[in-house]
Amino acid sequence: MLLGPALAVSAILFSLGVAGVLLRRNAIIIFMCVELMLNAANLAFVALAQQLGPDGQVIVFFVMAVAAAEAAVGLAIVLAIYRHKQTLDIQNLNLLRG
């Protein structure tokens, strides 16, 4: 696997994730875009591990563990917000306003 194309794909995926987070209003779509950004970082770590040795692959396992925890906590928050407000549109959420 060549390093340049793998990092290019990783950068494209990360850019798509950032664009999704900034442009979308649905909480589930934003959540999926954050996961896409984490997977892009994983791809970069694996591509760099080919050059640096197995340290990059060890980091991938830590990133996957963080992504799994983020998925569990994020999904619980999304479900709690939906039960409370009956919508997942971010602009309609004002739970922290007193």
N, C-alpha and C. Protein backbone atom coordinates (compact mmCIF):
# COMPACT_ATOMS: atom_id res chain seq x y z
N MET A 1 0.85 -1.17 0.00
CA MET A 1 0.00 0.00 0.00
C MET A 1 0.90 1.24 0.00
N LEU A 2 0.63 2.12 -0.89
CA LEU A 2 1.40 3.35 -0.97
C LEU A 2 0.89 4.36 0.05
N LEU A 3 1.81 5.13 0.59
CA LEU A 3 1.46 6.06 1.65
C LEU A 3 0.66 7.25 1.14
N GLY A 4 1.04 7.80 0.00
CA GLY A 4 0.38 8.99 -0.54
C GLY A 4 -1.11 8.81 -0.82
N PRO A 5 -1.49 7.79 -1.60
CA PRO A 5 -2.92 7.61 -1.87
C PRO A 5 -3.75 7.30 -0.62
N ALA A 6 -3.17 6.55 0.32
CA ALA A 6 -3.91 6.24 1.55
C ALA A 6 -4.16 7.51 2.37
N LEU A 7 -3.15 8.37 2.45
CA LEU A 7 -3.34 9.63 3.19
C LEU A 7 -4.28 10.57 2.45
N ALA A 8 -4.28 10.50 1.11
CA ALA A 8 -5.22 11.33 0.34
C ALA A 8 -6.66 10.90 0.59
N VAL A 9 -6.90 9.59 0.60
CA VAL A 9 -8.26 9.09 0.89
C VAL A 9 -8.65 9.46 2.32
N SER A 10 -7.71 9.36 3.24
CA SER A 10 -7.98 9.74 4.63
C SER A 10 -8.35 11.21 4.73
N ALA A 11 -7.63 12.06 4.01
CA ALA A 11 -7.93 13.50 4.04
C ALA A 11 -9.29 13.80 3.43
N ILE A 12 -9.64 13.10 2.36
CA ILE A 12 -10.95 13.30 1.73
C ILE A 12 -12.06 12.88 2.68
N LEU A 13 -11.90 11.72 3.33
CA LEU A 13 -12.92 11.26 4.28
C LEU A 13 -13.05 12.22 5.45
N PHE A 14 -11.92 12.70 5.96
CA PHE A 14 -11.97 13.64 7.07
C PHE A 14 -12.66 14.94 6.66
N SER A 15 -12.37 15.41 5.45
CA SER A 15 -13.00 16.64 4.96
C SER A 15 -14.51 16.47 4.80
N LEU A 16 -14.93 15.31 4.30
CA LEU A 16 -16.36 15.04 4.19
C LEU A 16 -17.03 15.02 5.56
N GLY A 17 -16.33 14.45 6.55
CA GLY A 17 -16.87 14.44 7.91
C GLY A 17 -17.01 15.83 8.49
N VAL A 18 -15.99 16.67 8.29
CA VAL A 18 -16.05 18.05 8.79
C VAL A 18 -17.17 18.82 8.10
N ALA A 19 -17.29 18.64 6.79
CA ALA A 19 -18.36 19.33 6.05
C ALA A 19 -19.73 18.88 6.56
N GLY A 20 -19.88 17.59 6.84
CA GLY A 20 -21.15 17.09 7.35
C GLY A 20 -21.49 17.65 8.71
N VAL A 21 -20.48 17.78 9.58
CA VAL A 21 -20.72 18.33 10.92
C VAL A 21 -21.12 19.81 10.82
N LEU A 22 -20.47 20.53 9.92
CA LEU A 22 -20.73 21.97 9.84
C LEU A 22 -22.01 22.31 9.09
N LEU A 23 -22.43 21.47 8.14
CA LEU A 23 -23.55 21.83 7.27
C LEU A 23 -24.88 21.17 7.63
N ARG A 24 -24.85 20.07 8.32
CA ARG A 24 -26.10 19.35 8.61
C ARG A 24 -26.71 19.81 9.92
N ARG A 25 -28.02 19.60 10.05
CA ARG A 25 -28.73 19.99 11.26
C ARG A 25 -29.28 18.80 12.03
N ASN A 26 -29.28 17.62 11.43
CA ASN A 26 -29.81 16.44 12.08
C ASN A 26 -28.74 15.85 12.99
N ALA A 27 -29.09 15.55 14.23
CA ALA A 27 -28.12 15.08 15.21
C ALA A 27 -27.53 13.73 14.82
N ILE A 28 -28.31 12.85 14.22
CA ILE A 28 -27.80 11.54 13.84
C ILE A 28 -26.81 11.67 12.69
N ILE A 29 -27.07 12.54 11.74
CA ILE A 29 -26.13 12.76 10.64
C ILE A 29 -24.83 13.35 11.17
N ILE A 30 -24.92 14.28 12.10
CA ILE A 30 -23.71 14.86 12.70
C ILE A 30 -22.93 13.78 13.44
N PHE A 31 -23.62 12.93 14.14
CA PHE A 31 -23.00 11.82 14.86
C PHE A 31 -22.27 10.89 13.89
N MET A 32 -22.89 10.58 12.76
CA MET A 32 -22.25 9.72 11.76
C MET A 32 -21.04 10.40 11.14
N CYS A 33 -21.08 11.69 10.97
CA CYS A 33 -19.94 12.43 10.40
C CYS A 33 -18.76 12.44 11.37
N VAL A 34 -19.03 12.52 12.65
CA VAL A 34 -17.95 12.43 13.64
C VAL A 34 -17.31 11.04 13.57
N GLU A 35 -18.11 10.01 13.42
CA GLU A 35 -17.57 8.65 13.27
C GLU A 35 -16.74 8.54 11.99
N LEU A 36 -17.16 9.20 10.93
CA LEU A 36 -16.40 9.20 9.68
C LEU A 36 -15.03 9.85 9.88
N MET A 37 -15.00 10.93 10.65
CA MET A 37 -13.71 11.58 10.93
C MET A 37 -12.80 10.68 11.75
N LEU A 38 -13.35 9.94 12.72
CA LEU A 38 -12.54 9.00 13.49
C LEU A 38 -11.99 7.88 12.61
N ASN A 39 -12.80 7.40 11.68
CA ASN A 39 -12.33 6.34 10.78
C ASN A 39 -11.26 6.87 9.82
N ALA A 40 -11.36 8.12 9.42
CA ALA A 40 -10.32 8.71 8.58
C ALA A 40 -9.00 8.79 9.34
N ALA A 41 -9.07 9.14 10.61
CA ALA A 41 -7.85 9.17 11.43
C ALA A 41 -7.27 7.77 11.57
N ASN A 42 -8.12 6.77 11.73
CA ASN A 42 -7.65 5.38 11.80
C ASN A 42 -6.94 4.98 10.52
N LEU A 43 -7.49 5.35 9.38
CA LEU A 43 -6.86 5.02 8.11
C LEU A 43 -5.48 5.67 8.00
N ALA A 44 -5.36 6.89 8.46
CA ALA A 44 -4.06 7.57 8.44
C ALA A 44 -3.06 6.87 9.36
N PHE A 45 -3.51 6.45 10.53
CA PHE A 45 -2.62 5.74 11.44
C PHE A 45 -2.14 4.42 10.84
N VAL A 46 -3.05 3.68 10.21
CA VAL A 46 -2.66 2.41 9.61
C VAL A 46 -1.71 2.62 8.45
N ALA A 47 -1.95 3.65 7.65
CA ALA A 47 -1.06 3.95 6.53
C ALA A 47 0.33 4.35 7.03
N LEU A 48 0.38 5.13 8.09
CA LEU A 48 1.67 5.54 8.64
C LEU A 48 2.36 4.41 9.38
N ALA A 49 1.59 3.44 9.88
CA ALA A 49 2.20 2.30 10.57
C ALA A 49 3.06 1.46 9.62
N GLN A 50 2.75 1.50 8.35
CA GLN A 50 3.56 0.80 7.38
C GLN A 50 4.97 1.40 7.33
N GLN A 51 5.06 2.70 7.52
CA GLN A 51 6.36 3.37 7.50
C GLN A 51 7.04 3.34 8.87
N LEU A 52 6.26 3.44 9.95
CA LEU A 52 6.83 3.60 11.28
C LEU A 52 6.91 2.32 12.09
N GLY A 53 6.27 1.27 11.65
CA GLY A 53 6.24 0.04 12.42
C GLY A 53 4.88 -0.16 13.06
N PRO A 54 4.80 -1.09 14.00
CA PRO A 54 3.48 -1.46 14.57
C PRO A 54 2.89 -0.44 15.54
N ASP A 55 3.60 0.63 15.86
CA ASP A 55 3.06 1.61 16.81
C ASP A 55 1.79 2.26 16.31
N GLY A 56 1.69 2.50 15.03
CA GLY A 56 0.48 3.10 14.47
C GLY A 56 -0.72 2.20 14.61
N GLN A 57 -0.50 0.89 14.48
CA GLN A 57 -1.61 -0.04 14.61
C GLN A 57 -2.08 -0.16 16.05
N VAL A 58 -1.18 0.01 17.00
CA VAL A 58 -1.57 0.02 18.41
C VAL A 58 -2.43 1.23 18.71
N ILE A 59 -2.07 2.37 18.13
CA ILE A 59 -2.86 3.59 18.31
C ILE A 59 -4.26 3.41 17.75
N VAL A 60 -4.38 2.66 16.64
CA VAL A 60 -5.69 2.41 16.03
C VAL A 60 -6.62 1.71 17.01
N PHE A 61 -6.10 0.78 17.78
CA PHE A 61 -6.94 0.09 18.76
C PHE A 61 -7.46 1.05 19.82
N PHE A 62 -6.63 1.99 20.24
CA PHE A 62 -7.09 2.98 21.21
C PHE A 62 -8.14 3.90 20.59
N VAL A 63 -7.95 4.30 19.35
CA VAL A 63 -8.93 5.15 18.68
C VAL A 63 -10.25 4.40 18.50
N MET A 64 -10.18 3.12 18.19
CA MET A 64 -11.41 2.32 18.05
C MET A 64 -12.14 2.20 19.38
N ALA A 65 -11.40 2.07 20.47
CA ALA A 65 -12.03 2.01 21.79
C ALA A 65 -12.71 3.33 22.13
N VAL A 66 -12.06 4.44 21.81
CA VAL A 66 -12.67 5.75 22.04
C VAL A 66 -13.90 5.92 21.16
N ALA A 67 -13.83 5.46 19.91
CA ALA A 67 -14.98 5.56 19.00
C ALA A 67 -16.15 4.73 19.51
N ALA A 68 -15.88 3.55 20.05
CA ALA A 68 -16.96 2.72 20.58
C ALA A 68 -17.61 3.38 21.79
N ALA A 69 -16.81 3.95 22.67
CA ALA A 69 -17.37 4.64 23.83
C ALA A 69 -18.15 5.87 23.40
N GLU A 70 -17.61 6.59 22.41
CA GLU A 70 -18.31 7.78 21.90
C GLU A 70 -19.62 7.39 21.25
N ALA A 71 -19.64 6.26 20.56
CA ALA A 71 -20.88 5.81 19.92
C ALA A 71 -21.93 5.46 20.97
N ALA A 72 -21.53 4.79 22.04
CA ALA A 72 -22.49 4.42 23.07
C ALA A 72 -23.04 5.65 23.79
N VAL A 73 -22.17 6.54 24.20
CA VAL A 73 -22.61 7.74 24.93
C VAL A 73 -23.38 8.68 24.00
N GLY A 74 -22.89 8.85 22.77
CA GLY A 74 -23.56 9.73 21.82
C GLY A 74 -24.95 9.24 21.47
N LEU A 75 -25.10 7.95 21.25
CA LEU A 75 -26.42 7.40 20.93
C LEU A 75 -27.38 7.55 22.11
N ALA A 76 -26.87 7.37 23.32
CA ALA A 76 -27.72 7.56 24.49
C ALA A 76 -28.19 9.02 24.61
N ILE A 77 -27.29 9.95 24.33
CA ILE A 77 -27.66 11.37 24.38
C ILE A 77 -28.68 11.70 23.30
N VAL A 78 -28.47 11.18 22.09
CA VAL A 78 -29.41 11.43 20.99
C VAL A 78 -30.78 10.87 21.34
N LEU A 79 -30.84 9.66 21.90
CA LEU A 79 -32.13 9.08 22.27
C LEU A 79 -32.81 9.88 23.38
N ALA A 80 -32.03 10.34 24.36
CA ALA A 80 -32.63 11.14 25.44
C ALA A 80 -33.18 12.46 24.91
N ILE A 81 -32.45 13.09 24.00
CA ILE A 81 -32.94 14.35 23.43
C ILE A 81 -34.20 14.11 22.60
N TYR A 82 -34.23 13.02 21.84
CA TYR A 82 -35.41 12.74 21.03
C TYR A 82 -36.62 12.46 21.92
N ARG A 83 -36.43 11.72 23.00
CA ARG A 83 -37.56 11.44 23.90
C ARG A 83 -38.08 12.72 24.56
N HIS A 84 -37.18 13.65 24.82
CA HIS A 84 -37.59 14.88 25.50
C HIS A 84 -38.22 15.89 24.55
N LYS A 85 -37.66 16.06 23.37
CA LYS A 85 -38.10 17.11 22.44
C LYS A 85 -38.88 16.59 21.23
N GLN A 86 -38.85 15.30 20.96
CA GLN A 86 -39.52 14.70 19.80
C GLN A 86 -38.97 15.22 18.47
N THR A 87 -37.73 15.69 18.46
CA THR A 87 -37.08 16.12 17.23
C THR A 87 -35.58 15.93 17.39
N LEU A 88 -34.92 15.78 16.25
CA LEU A 88 -33.46 15.69 16.25
C LEU A 88 -32.84 16.86 15.49
N ASP A 89 -33.63 17.87 15.19
CA ASP A 89 -33.13 19.06 14.51
C ASP A 89 -32.37 19.90 15.52
N ILE A 90 -31.11 20.16 15.25
CA ILE A 90 -30.23 20.84 16.19
C ILE A 90 -30.70 22.28 16.46
N GLN A 91 -31.26 22.93 15.47
CA GLN A 91 -31.69 24.32 15.67
C GLN A 91 -32.89 24.43 16.61
N ASN A 92 -33.64 23.36 16.76
CA ASN A 92 -34.80 23.39 17.66
C ASN A 92 -34.46 23.02 19.09
N LEU A 93 -33.21 22.66 19.34
CA LEU A 93 -32.83 22.23 20.68
C LEU A 93 -32.28 23.41 21.48
N ASN A 94 -32.87 23.64 22.62
CA ASN A 94 -32.41 24.69 23.52
C ASN A 94 -32.50 24.18 24.96
N LEU A 95 -31.99 22.97 25.17
CA LEU A 95 -32.11 22.35 26.49
C LEU A 95 -31.28 23.06 27.56
N LEU A 96 -30.21 23.73 27.18
CA LEU A 96 -29.34 24.36 28.17
C LEU A 96 -29.74 25.80 28.47
N ARG A 97 -30.72 26.30 27.79
CA ARG A 97 -31.18 27.66 28.09
C ARG A 97 -32.11 27.63 29.28
N GLY A 98 -31.91 28.56 30.19
CA GLY A 98 -32.69 28.58 31.42
C GLY A 98 -33.91 29.35 31.23
